[in-house]
């Protein structure tokens, strides 16, 4: 078995793996899961806005504490 045959076998294995992955990703059974995952960034928008304001307040309070080693 020469290197060309090995490369051909590896290419065939990778092609079959890729096609299997594409088939799995686009199957109808996976669509509801992917739709739910696509909407995750929009799920808790109010909570994210509250986190942003708390983070800015914490940064201000750290600046007011000063250096404790002095």
PDB file of N, CA and C in Angstrom:
ATOM      1  N   UNK A   1       0.853  -1.158   0.000  1.00  0.00           N
ATOM      2  CA  UNK A   1       0.000   0.000   0.000  1.00  0.00           C
ATOM      3  C   UNK A   1       0.909   1.235   0.000  1.00  0.00           C
ATOM      4  N   UNK A   2       0.766   2.059  -1.013  1.00  0.00           N
ATOM      5  CA  UNK A   2       1.599   3.256  -1.091  1.00  0.00           C
ATOM      6  C   UNK A   2       0.878   4.456  -0.481  1.00  0.00           C
ATOM      7  N   UNK A   3       1.553   5.605  -0.446  1.00  0.00           N
ATOM      8  CA  UNK A   3       1.028   6.792   0.211  1.00  0.00           C
ATOM      9  C   UNK A   3      -0.219   7.329  -0.501  1.00  0.00           C
ATOM     10  N   UNK A   4      -0.300   7.152  -1.804  1.00  0.00           N
ATOM     11  CA  UNK A   4      -1.477   7.603  -2.548  1.00  0.00           C
ATOM     12  C   UNK A   4      -2.733   6.865  -2.135  1.00  0.00           C
ATOM     13  N   UNK A   5      -2.618   5.589  -1.902  1.00  0.00           N
ATOM     14  CA  UNK A   5      -3.766   4.787  -1.467  1.00  0.00           C
ATOM     15  C   UNK A   5      -4.215   5.200  -0.074  1.00  0.00           C
ATOM     16  N   UNK A   6      -3.251   5.430   0.817  1.00  0.00           N
ATOM     17  CA  UNK A   6      -3.578   5.861   2.182  1.00  0.00           C
ATOM     18  C   UNK A   6      -4.271   7.215   2.147  1.00  0.00           C
ATOM     19  N   UNK A   7      -3.760   8.122   1.342  1.00  0.00           N
ATOM     20  CA  UNK A   7      -4.396   9.444   1.234  1.00  0.00           C
ATOM     21  C   UNK A   7      -5.803   9.329   0.652  1.00  0.00           C
ATOM     22  N   UNK A   8      -5.997   8.452  -0.290  1.00  0.00           N
ATOM     23  CA  UNK A   8      -7.323   8.240  -0.868  1.00  0.00           C
ATOM     24  C   UNK A   8      -8.304   7.684   0.147  1.00  0.00           C
ATOM     25  N   UNK A   9      -7.858   6.743   0.966  1.00  0.00           N
ATOM     26  CA  UNK A   9      -8.715   6.165   2.004  1.00  0.00           C
ATOM     27  C   UNK A   9      -9.084   7.221   3.040  1.00  0.00           C
ATOM     28  N   UNK A  10      -8.096   8.017   3.452  1.00  0.00           N
ATOM     29  CA  UNK A  10      -8.360   9.072   4.437  1.00  0.00           C
ATOM     30  C   UNK A  10      -9.324  10.101   3.857  1.00  0.00           C
ATOM     31  N   UNK A  11      -9.154  10.457   2.590  1.00  0.00           N
ATOM     32  CA  UNK A  11     -10.065  11.406   1.947  1.00  0.00           C
ATOM     33  C   UNK A  11     -11.477  10.853   1.896  1.00  0.00           C
ATOM     34  N   UNK A  12     -11.622   9.583   1.577  1.00  0.00           N
ATOM     35  CA  UNK A  12     -12.949   8.959   1.527  1.00  0.00           C
ATOM     36  C   UNK A  12     -13.600   8.939   2.910  1.00  0.00           C
ATOM     37  N   UNK A  13     -12.818   8.626   3.942  1.00  0.00           N
ATOM     38  CA  UNK A  13     -13.349   8.613   5.313  1.00  0.00           C
ATOM     39  C   UNK A  13     -13.804  10.013   5.718  1.00  0.00           C
ATOM     40  N   UNK A  14     -12.990  11.034   5.409  1.00  0.00           N
ATOM     41  CA  UNK A  14     -13.350  12.403   5.756  1.00  0.00           C
ATOM     42  C   UNK A  14     -14.578  12.873   4.983  1.00  0.00           C
ATOM     43  N   UNK A  15     -14.698  12.478   3.721  1.00  0.00           N
ATOM     44  CA  UNK A  15     -15.868  12.848   2.929  1.00  0.00           C
ATOM     45  C   UNK A  15     -17.134  12.231   3.503  1.00  0.00           C
ATOM     46  N   UNK A  16     -17.080  10.964   3.855  1.00  0.00           N
ATOM     47  CA  UNK A  16     -18.241  10.297   4.443  1.00  0.00           C
ATOM     48  C   UNK A  16     -18.591  10.927   5.794  1.00  0.00           C
ATOM     49  N   UNK A  17     -17.589  11.267   6.594  1.00  0.00           N
ATOM     50  CA  UNK A  17     -17.832  11.920   7.885  1.00  0.00           C
ATOM     51  C   UNK A  17     -18.479  13.282   7.691  1.00  0.00           C
ATOM     52  N   UNK A  18     -17.986  14.053   6.746  1.00  0.00           N
ATOM     53  CA  UNK A  18     -18.559  15.367   6.473  1.00  0.00           C
ATOM     54  C   UNK A  18     -20.002  15.252   6.020  1.00  0.00           C
ATOM     55  N   UNK A  19     -20.279  14.347   5.109  1.00  0.00           N
ATOM     56  CA  UNK A  19     -21.649  14.172   4.631  1.00  0.00           C
ATOM     57  C   UNK A  19     -22.578  13.697   5.748  1.00  0.00           C
ATOM     58  N   UNK A  20     -22.083  12.852   6.632  1.00  0.00           N
ATOM     59  CA  UNK A  20     -22.871  12.422   7.781  1.00  0.00           C
ATOM     60  C   UNK A  20     -23.177  13.579   8.728  1.00  0.00           C
ATOM     61  N   UNK A  21     -22.212  14.433   8.945  1.00  0.00           N
ATOM     62  CA  UNK A  21     -22.412  15.595   9.807  1.00  0.00           C
ATOM     63  C   UNK A  21     -23.417  16.565   9.199  1.00  0.00           C
ATOM     64  N   UNK A  22     -23.321  16.804   7.905  1.00  0.00           N
ATOM     65  CA  UNK A  22     -24.278  17.677   7.225  1.00  0.00           C
ATOM     66  C   UNK A  22     -25.676  17.072   7.282  1.00  0.00           C
ATOM     67  N   UNK A  23     -25.782  15.777   7.070  1.00  0.00           N
ATOM     68  CA  UNK A  23     -27.085  15.115   7.143  1.00  0.00           C
ATOM     69  C   UNK A  23     -27.681  15.244   8.548  1.00  0.00           C
ATOM     70  N   UNK A  24     -26.851  15.062   9.577  1.00  0.00           N
ATOM     71  CA  UNK A  24     -27.321  15.181  10.962  1.00  0.00           C
ATOM     72  C   UNK A  24     -27.775  16.601  11.265  1.00  0.00           C
ATOM     73  N   UNK A  25     -26.987  17.600  10.823  1.00  0.00           N
ATOM     74  CA  UNK A  25     -27.298  18.986  11.148  1.00  0.00           C
ATOM     75  C   UNK A  25     -28.574  19.465  10.458  1.00  0.00           C
ATOM     76  N   UNK A  26     -28.830  18.990   9.261  1.00  0.00           N
ATOM     77  CA  UNK A  26     -29.999  19.444   8.519  1.00  0.00           C
ATOM     78  C   UNK A  26     -31.188  18.500   8.621  1.00  0.00           C
ATOM     79  N   UNK A  27     -31.120  17.517   9.505  1.00  0.00           N
ATOM     80  CA  UNK A  27     -32.264  16.617   9.650  1.00  0.00           C
ATOM     81  C   UNK A  27     -33.411  17.342  10.347  1.00  0.00           C
ATOM     82  N   UNK A  28     -34.619  16.921  10.069  1.00  0.00           N
ATOM     83  CA  UNK A  28     -35.803  17.587  10.620  1.00  0.00           C
ATOM     84  C   UNK A  28     -35.914  17.410  12.133  1.00  0.00           C
ATOM     85  N   UNK A  29     -35.348  16.353  12.659  1.00  0.00           N
ATOM     86  CA  UNK A  29     -35.402  16.145  14.109  1.00  0.00           C
ATOM     87  C   UNK A  29     -34.582  17.181  14.866  1.00  0.00           C
ATOM     88  N   UNK A  30     -33.539  17.733  14.265  1.00  0.00           N
ATOM     89  CA  UNK A  30     -32.650  18.682  14.932  1.00  0.00           C
ATOM     90  C   UNK A  30     -33.150  20.118  14.833  1.00  0.00           C
ATOM     91  N   UNK A  31     -34.077  20.413  13.921  1.00  0.00           N
ATOM     92  CA  UNK A  31     -34.517  21.783  13.685  1.00  0.00           C
ATOM     93  C   UNK A  31     -35.057  22.464  14.947  1.00  0.00           C
ATOM     94  N   UNK A  32     -35.919  21.844  15.748  1.00  0.00           N
ATOM     95  CA  UNK A  32     -36.398  22.533  16.956  1.00  0.00           C
ATOM     96  C   UNK A  32     -35.257  22.874  17.928  1.00  0.00           C
ATOM     97  N   UNK A  33     -34.295  21.995  18.064  1.00  0.00           N
ATOM     98  CA  UNK A  33     -33.164  22.273  18.960  1.00  0.00           C
ATOM     99  C   UNK A  33     -32.342  23.453  18.463  1.00  0.00           C
ATOM    100  N   UNK A  34     -32.080  23.488  17.158  1.00  0.00           N
ATOM    101  CA  UNK A  34     -31.292  24.584  16.604  1.00  0.00           C
ATOM    102  C   UNK A  34     -32.073  25.895  16.634  1.00  0.00           C
ATOM    103  N   UNK A  35     -33.389  25.852  16.442  1.00  0.00           N
ATOM    104  CA  UNK A  35     -34.193  27.074  16.535  1.00  0.00           C
ATOM    105  C   UNK A  35     -34.169  27.633  17.953  1.00  0.00           C
ATOM    106  N   UNK A  36     -34.250  26.756  18.931  1.00  0.00           N
ATOM    107  CA  UNK A  36     -34.178  27.195  20.323  1.00  0.00           C
ATOM    108  C   UNK A  36     -32.815  27.797  20.640  1.00  0.00           C
ATOM    109  N   UNK A  37     -31.765  27.173  20.170  1.00  0.00           N
ATOM    110  CA  UNK A  37     -30.412  27.692  20.407  1.00  0.00           C
ATOM    111  C   UNK A  37     -30.205  29.027  19.699  1.00  0.00           C
ATOM    112  N   UNK A  38     -30.830  29.213  18.543  1.00  0.00           N
ATOM    113  CA  UNK A  38     -30.682  30.466  17.814  1.00  0.00           C
ATOM    114  C   UNK A  38     -31.342  31.629  18.557  1.00  0.00           C
ATOM    115  N   UNK A  39     -32.357  31.348  19.370  1.00  0.00           N
ATOM    116  CA  UNK A  39     -33.055  32.402  20.105  1.00  0.00           C
ATOM    117  C   UNK A  39     -32.483  32.659  21.493  1.00  0.00           C
ATOM    118  N   UNK A  40     -31.488  31.912  21.912  1.00  0.00           N
ATOM    119  CA  UNK A  40     -30.914  32.107  23.239  1.00  0.00           C
ATOM    120  C   UNK A  40     -30.365  33.512  23.481  1.00  0.00           C
ATOM    121  N   UNK A  41     -29.727  34.172  22.537  1.00  0.00           N
ATOM    122  CA  UNK A  41     -29.230  35.516  22.820  1.00  0.00           C
ATOM    123  C   UNK A  41     -30.329  36.522  23.149  1.00  0.00           C
ATOM    124  N   UNK A  42     -31.554  36.248  22.747  1.00  0.00           N
ATOM    125  CA  UNK A  42     -32.658  37.168  22.978  1.00  0.00           C
ATOM    126  C   UNK A  42     -33.501  36.794  24.191  1.00  0.00           C
ATOM    127  N   UNK A  43     -33.145  35.759  24.907  1.00  0.00           N
ATOM    128  CA  UNK A  43     -34.002  35.210  25.959  1.00  0.00           C
ATOM    129  C   UNK A  43     -34.111  36.122  27.172  1.00  0.00           C
ATOM    130  N   UNK A  44     -33.013  36.576  27.732  1.00  0.00           N
ATOM    131  CA  UNK A  44     -33.029  37.366  28.965  1.00  0.00           C
ATOM    132  C   UNK A  44     -32.422  38.740  28.733  1.00  0.00           C
ATOM    133  N   UNK A  45     -33.042  39.507  27.879  1.00  0.00           N
ATOM    134  CA  UNK A  45     -32.485  40.804  27.536  1.00  0.00           C
ATOM    135  C   UNK A  45     -32.543  41.769  28.717  1.00  0.00           C
ATOM    136  N   UNK A  46     -33.605  41.736  29.532  1.00  0.00           N
ATOM    137  CA  UNK A  46     -33.707  42.634  30.687  1.00  0.00           C
ATOM    138  C   UNK A  46     -32.618  42.337  31.713  1.00  0.00           C
ATOM    139  N   UNK A  47     -32.342  41.072  31.926  1.00  0.00           N
ATOM    140  CA  UNK A  47     -31.317  40.685  32.894  1.00  0.00           C
ATOM    141  C   UNK A  47     -29.944  41.179  32.456  1.00  0.00           C
ATOM    142  N   UNK A  48     -29.659  41.156  31.181  1.00  0.00           N
ATOM    143  CA  UNK A  48     -28.363  41.628  30.680  1.00  0.00           C
ATOM    144  C   UNK A  48     -28.214  43.129  30.885  1.00  0.00           C
ATOM    145  N   UNK A  49     -29.279  43.890  30.704  1.00  0.00           N
ATOM    146  CA  UNK A  49     -29.196  45.331  30.904  1.00  0.00           C
ATOM    147  C   UNK A  49     -28.904  45.638  32.369  1.00  0.00           C
ATOM    148  N   UNK A  50     -29.504  44.899  33.283  1.00  0.00           N
ATOM    149  CA  UNK A  50     -29.231  45.105  34.701  1.00  0.00           C
ATOM    150  C   UNK A  50     -27.788  44.756  35.038  1.00  0.00           C
ATOM    151  N   UNK A  51     -27.266  43.715  34.450  1.00  0.00           N
ATOM    152  CA  UNK A  51     -25.874  43.335  34.693  1.00  0.00           C
ATOM    153  C   UNK A  51     -24.921  44.423  34.241  1.00  0.00           C
ATOM    154  N   UNK A  52     -25.203  45.045  33.102  1.00  0.00           N
ATOM    155  CA  UNK A  52     -24.320  46.078  32.588  1.00  0.00           C
ATOM    156  C   UNK A  52     -24.267  47.279  33.536  1.00  0.00           C
ATOM    157  N   UNK A  53     -25.387  47.675  34.109  1.00  0.00           N
ATOM    158  CA  UNK A  53     -25.375  48.827  35.013  1.00  0.00           C
ATOM    159  C   UNK A  53     -24.679  48.472  36.316  1.00  0.00           C
ATOM    160  N   UNK A  54     -24.853  47.262  36.811  1.00  0.00           N
ATOM    161  CA  UNK A  54     -24.162  46.855  38.035  1.00  0.00           C
ATOM    162  C   UNK A  54     -22.661  46.795  37.819  1.00  0.00           C
ATOM    163  N   UNK A  55     -22.242  46.343  36.652  1.00  0.00           N
ATOM    164  CA  UNK A  55     -20.810  46.257  36.371  1.00  0.00           C
ATOM    165  C   UNK A  55     -20.180  47.638  36.350  1.00  0.00           C
ATOM    166  N   UNK A  56     -20.875  48.624  35.818  1.00  0.00           N
ATOM    167  CA  UNK A  56     -20.293  49.966  35.782  1.00  0.00           C
ATOM    168  C   UNK A  56     -20.237  50.562  37.191  1.00  0.00           C
ATOM    169  N   UNK A  57     -21.222  50.247  38.055  1.00  0.00           N
ATOM    170  CA  UNK A  57     -21.185  50.746  39.430  1.00  0.00           C
ATOM    171  C   UNK A  57     -20.069  50.091  40.226  1.00  0.00           C
ATOM    172  N   UNK A  58     -19.832  48.808  40.013  1.00  0.00           N
ATOM    173  CA  UNK A  58     -18.760  48.125  40.716  1.00  0.00           C
ATOM    174  C   UNK A  58     -17.408  48.687  40.325  1.00  0.00           C
ATOM    175  N   UNK A  59     -17.239  49.056  39.080  1.00  0.00           N
ATOM    176  CA  UNK A  59     -15.967  49.623  38.640  1.00  0.00           C
ATOM    177  C   UNK A  59     -15.733  50.955  39.349  1.00  0.00           C
ATOM    178  N   UNK A  60     -16.793  51.764  39.542  1.00  0.00           N
ATOM    179  CA  UNK A  60     -16.645  53.038  40.243  1.00  0.00           C
ATOM    180  C   UNK A  60     -16.299  52.815  41.707  1.00  0.00           C
ATOM    181  N   UNK A  61     -16.921  51.815  42.344  1.00  0.00           N
ATOM    182  CA  UNK A  61     -16.650  51.588  43.755  1.00  0.00           C
ATOM    183  C   UNK A  61     -15.225  51.089  43.960  1.00  0.00           C
ATOM    184  N   UNK A  62     -14.678  50.358  43.014  1.00  0.00           N
ATOM    185  CA  UNK A  62     -13.293  49.920  43.143  1.00  0.00           C
ATOM    186  C   UNK A  62     -12.333  51.095  43.062  1.00  0.00           C
ATOM    187  N   UNK A  63     -12.645  52.076  42.270  1.00  0.00           N
ATOM    188  CA  UNK A  63     -11.775  53.235  42.150  1.00  0.00           C
ATOM    189  C   UNK A  63     -11.796  54.057  43.434  1.00  0.00           C
ATOM    190  N   UNK A  64     -12.906  54.075  44.147  1.00  0.00           N
ATOM    191  CA  UNK A  64     -13.024  54.888  45.359  1.00  0.00           C
ATOM    192  C   UNK A  64     -12.352  54.243  46.565  1.00  0.00           C
ATOM    193  N   UNK A  65     -12.023  52.958  46.528  1.00  0.00           N
ATOM    194  CA  UNK A  65     -11.442  52.287  47.676  1.00  0.00           C
ATOM    195  C   UNK A  65      -9.987  52.681  47.903  1.00  0.00           C
ATOM    196  N   UNK A  66      -9.292  52.988  46.861  1.00  0.00           N
ATOM    197  CA  UNK A  66      -7.908  53.389  47.014  1.00  0.00           C
ATOM    198  C   UNK A  66      -6.986  52.209  47.264  1.00  0.00           C
ATOM    199  N   UNK A  67      -5.737  52.495  47.544  1.00  0.00           N
ATOM    200  CA  UNK A  67      -4.747  51.450  47.752  1.00  0.00           C
ATOM    201  C   UNK A  67      -4.728  51.084  49.241  1.00  0.00           C
ATOM    202  N   UNK A  68      -4.985  49.837  49.556  1.00  0.00           N
ATOM    203  CA  UNK A  68      -5.045  49.413  50.966  1.00  0.00           C
ATOM    204  C   UNK A  68      -3.665  49.221  51.558  1.00  0.00           C
ATOM    205  N   UNK A  69      -2.609  49.107  50.738  1.00  0.00           N
ATOM    206  CA  UNK A  69      -1.270  48.891  51.252  1.00  0.00           C
ATOM    207  C   UNK A  69      -0.590  50.166  51.712  1.00  0.00           C
ATOM    208  N   UNK A  70      -1.143  51.293  51.419  1.00  0.00           N
ATOM    209  CA  UNK A  70      -0.471  52.555  51.758  1.00  0.00           C
ATOM    210  C   UNK A  70      -0.672  52.961  53.188  1.00  0.00           C
TER     211      UNK A  70
END
